[in-house]
N, C-alpha and C. Protein backbone atom coordinates (compact mmCIF):
# COMPACT_ATOMS: atom_id res chain seq x y z
N UNK A 1 66.89 71.74 57.95
CA UNK A 1 67.45 73.07 59.13
C UNK A 1 67.53 72.26 60.20
N UNK A 2 66.87 71.28 60.95
CA UNK A 2 66.68 71.13 61.97
C UNK A 2 68.48 70.11 62.35
N UNK A 3 68.75 69.47 61.04
CA UNK A 3 70.26 69.15 60.99
C UNK A 3 71.32 70.38 61.21
N UNK A 4 71.24 71.52 60.66
CA UNK A 4 71.99 72.25 60.72
C UNK A 4 71.95 73.24 62.02
N UNK A 5 70.86 72.73 62.99
CA UNK A 5 70.72 73.40 63.96
C UNK A 5 71.27 72.69 65.07
N UNK A 6 70.67 71.06 65.00
CA UNK A 6 71.89 70.46 65.89
C UNK A 6 73.40 70.31 65.69
N UNK A 7 73.77 70.27 64.30
CA UNK A 7 75.21 70.79 64.11
C UNK A 7 75.99 72.10 64.42
N UNK A 8 75.01 73.01 64.88
CA UNK A 8 75.62 74.31 65.80
C UNK A 8 76.04 74.19 66.53
N UNK A 9 74.63 73.46 67.63
CA UNK A 9 74.42 73.08 69.18
C UNK A 9 75.69 72.33 69.39
N UNK A 10 76.27 71.11 68.77
CA UNK A 10 77.48 70.24 69.24
C UNK A 10 78.21 71.25 68.74
N UNK A 11 78.70 72.08 67.80
CA UNK A 11 79.65 72.70 67.29
C UNK A 11 79.89 73.35 69.06
N UNK A 12 78.86 74.36 69.59
CA UNK A 12 78.76 75.14 70.33
C UNK A 12 79.96 74.20 71.63
N UNK A 13 79.02 73.28 71.73
CA UNK A 13 78.94 72.60 73.08
C UNK A 13 81.01 72.36 73.10
N UNK A 14 81.29 71.73 71.80
CA UNK A 14 82.14 71.55 71.53
C UNK A 14 83.50 72.44 71.81
N UNK A 15 83.05 73.92 71.21
CA UNK A 15 83.76 74.81 71.39
C UNK A 15 84.52 75.82 72.78
N UNK A 16 82.77 75.63 73.54
CA UNK A 16 82.62 75.80 75.23
C UNK A 16 83.59 74.82 75.93
N UNK A 17 83.66 73.34 75.39
CA UNK A 17 84.36 72.22 76.75
C UNK A 17 86.16 72.84 75.87
N UNK A 18 86.41 72.65 74.97
CA UNK A 18 87.58 73.15 74.61
C UNK A 18 88.49 74.85 75.41
N UNK A 19 87.50 75.11 75.55
CA UNK A 19 87.96 76.69 76.01
C UNK A 19 87.69 77.06 77.51
N UNK A 20 86.75 76.17 77.83
CA UNK A 20 86.57 75.48 79.36
C UNK A 20 88.24 75.07 80.29
N UNK A 21 89.12 73.93 79.17
CA UNK A 21 89.73 73.28 79.39
C UNK A 21 90.98 73.80 79.42
N UNK A 22 91.13 74.94 78.11
CA UNK A 22 92.34 75.96 78.06
C UNK A 22 92.32 76.60 78.96
N UNK A 23 91.57 77.46 79.65
CA UNK A 23 91.21 78.40 80.82
C UNK A 23 91.51 77.70 82.06
N UNK A 24 91.24 76.27 82.38
CA UNK A 24 91.40 75.81 83.40
C UNK A 24 93.03 75.76 83.45
N UNK A 25 93.31 74.69 82.56
CA UNK A 25 95.34 74.78 82.44
C UNK A 25 95.81 76.11 82.66
N UNK A 26 95.09 76.99 81.92
CA UNK A 26 96.02 78.24 82.39
C UNK A 26 95.94 78.96 83.87
N UNK A 27 94.75 78.47 84.33
CA UNK A 27 94.98 78.89 85.83
C UNK A 27 95.86 77.79 86.60
N UNK A 28 95.37 76.84 86.21
CA UNK A 28 97.14 75.98 87.09
C UNK A 28 98.02 76.03 87.03
N UNK A 29 98.60 76.72 85.58
CA UNK A 29 99.82 77.26 85.41
C UNK A 29 100.30 78.05 86.31
N UNK A 30 99.23 79.32 85.86
CA UNK A 30 99.12 80.29 87.08
C UNK A 30 99.43 79.78 87.83
N UNK A 31 98.46 79.50 89.09
CA UNK A 31 98.58 78.93 90.02
C UNK A 31 99.99 78.23 90.67
N UNK A 32 100.71 77.61 89.76
CA UNK A 32 101.98 76.84 89.91
C UNK A 32 102.98 77.89 90.02
N UNK A 33 103.01 78.73 88.80
CA UNK A 33 104.06 79.83 89.37
C UNK A 33 103.71 80.72 90.59
N UNK A 34 102.77 80.94 90.77
CA UNK A 34 102.63 82.21 91.56
C UNK A 34 102.98 81.03 92.77
N UNK A 35 103.27 79.86 93.05
CA UNK A 35 103.03 79.53 94.98
C UNK A 35 104.38 78.20 94.73
N UNK A 36 105.01 78.14 93.35
CA UNK A 36 106.62 77.78 93.69
C UNK A 36 107.85 78.43 94.20
N UNK A 37 108.45 77.55 94.36
CA UNK A 37 109.36 78.60 95.40
C UNK A 37 110.28 79.05 94.99
N UNK A 38 111.42 79.89 95.44
CA UNK A 38 112.19 80.66 94.61
C UNK A 38 113.06 80.26 94.90
N UNK A 39 113.87 80.21 93.35
CA UNK A 39 115.73 79.78 94.16
C UNK A 39 116.96 80.67 93.98
N UNK A 40 116.30 81.88 94.48
CA UNK A 40 117.61 82.90 94.83
C UNK A 40 117.17 82.58 95.98
N UNK A 41 118.26 83.52 96.98
CA UNK A 41 118.34 83.34 98.46
C UNK A 41 117.66 84.47 98.77
N UNK A 42 117.08 85.09 99.80
CA UNK A 42 115.85 86.27 100.06
C UNK A 42 116.56 86.83 101.16
N UNK A 43 117.98 86.73 101.44
CA UNK A 43 118.50 87.32 102.17
C UNK A 43 117.94 87.60 103.89
N UNK A 44 117.72 86.47 104.26
CA UNK A 44 117.02 86.82 105.91
C UNK A 44 115.85 87.10 105.96
N UNK A 45 114.84 87.25 104.72
CA UNK A 45 113.58 87.63 104.58
C UNK A 45 112.54 86.77 104.23
N UNK A 46 112.38 86.40 105.23
CA UNK A 46 110.95 84.46 105.06
C UNK A 46 110.23 85.13 103.74
N UNK A 47 109.61 83.92 102.86
CA UNK A 47 108.68 84.24 101.76
C UNK A 47 107.27 84.82 101.96
N UNK A 48 107.13 85.14 103.35
CA UNK A 48 106.05 86.29 103.07
C UNK A 48 105.80 87.22 103.35
N UNK A 49 107.14 87.98 103.61
CA UNK A 49 107.60 89.26 103.14
C UNK A 49 108.24 89.82 104.55
N UNK A 50 107.81 88.57 105.88
CA UNK A 50 108.16 89.60 106.78
C UNK A 50 109.66 89.12 107.15
N UNK A 51 110.07 90.12 108.35
CA UNK A 51 112.35 89.29 108.50
C UNK A 51 111.84 88.97 109.92
N UNK A 52 112.42 87.55 109.93
CA UNK A 52 112.29 86.60 110.93
C UNK A 52 113.22 87.08 112.12
N UNK A 53 113.20 87.29 113.59
CA UNK A 53 113.53 87.84 114.39
C UNK A 53 115.08 87.09 114.90
N UNK A 54 116.43 88.72 115.16
CA UNK A 54 117.13 87.80 115.30
C UNK A 54 117.33 87.34 116.88
N UNK A 55 117.90 86.45 116.93
CA UNK A 55 118.08 85.46 118.21
C UNK A 55 119.36 85.68 118.65
N UNK A 56 120.10 86.30 119.82
CA UNK A 56 121.05 86.84 120.07
C UNK A 56 122.02 85.53 121.37
N UNK A 57 122.61 85.56 121.27
CA UNK A 57 123.26 84.35 122.68
C UNK A 57 122.36 84.77 123.95
N UNK A 58 121.51 85.48 124.31
CA UNK A 58 121.45 85.59 125.34
C UNK A 58 119.82 85.41 125.71
N UNK A 59 119.26 85.55 124.53
CA UNK A 59 118.08 84.78 124.05
C UNK A 59 117.62 83.82 124.28
N UNK A 60 118.48 82.20 124.12
CA UNK A 60 118.41 81.37 124.06
C UNK A 60 118.60 80.61 125.93
N UNK A 61 119.35 81.63 126.66
CA UNK A 61 119.37 81.12 127.91
C UNK A 61 117.76 81.73 129.34
N UNK A 62 117.68 82.31 128.13
CA UNK A 62 116.11 83.48 128.65
C UNK A 62 115.18 82.14 128.76
N UNK A 63 115.22 81.79 127.62
CA UNK A 63 113.79 80.68 127.57
C UNK A 63 113.95 79.25 128.80
């Protein structure tokens, strides 16, 4: 009976480690996908969603 219980504990530990590693890989893949740079042009919009200010020719002379 003790051997069967020990086997169940070991099997549960192995299952827990496999699940934890699989979840960590899925999280890392999701993070990598979310933070990857886009390859398509953003048409003047910065990656964070805000539009950059347009600088005219007189704006540089005021600085």
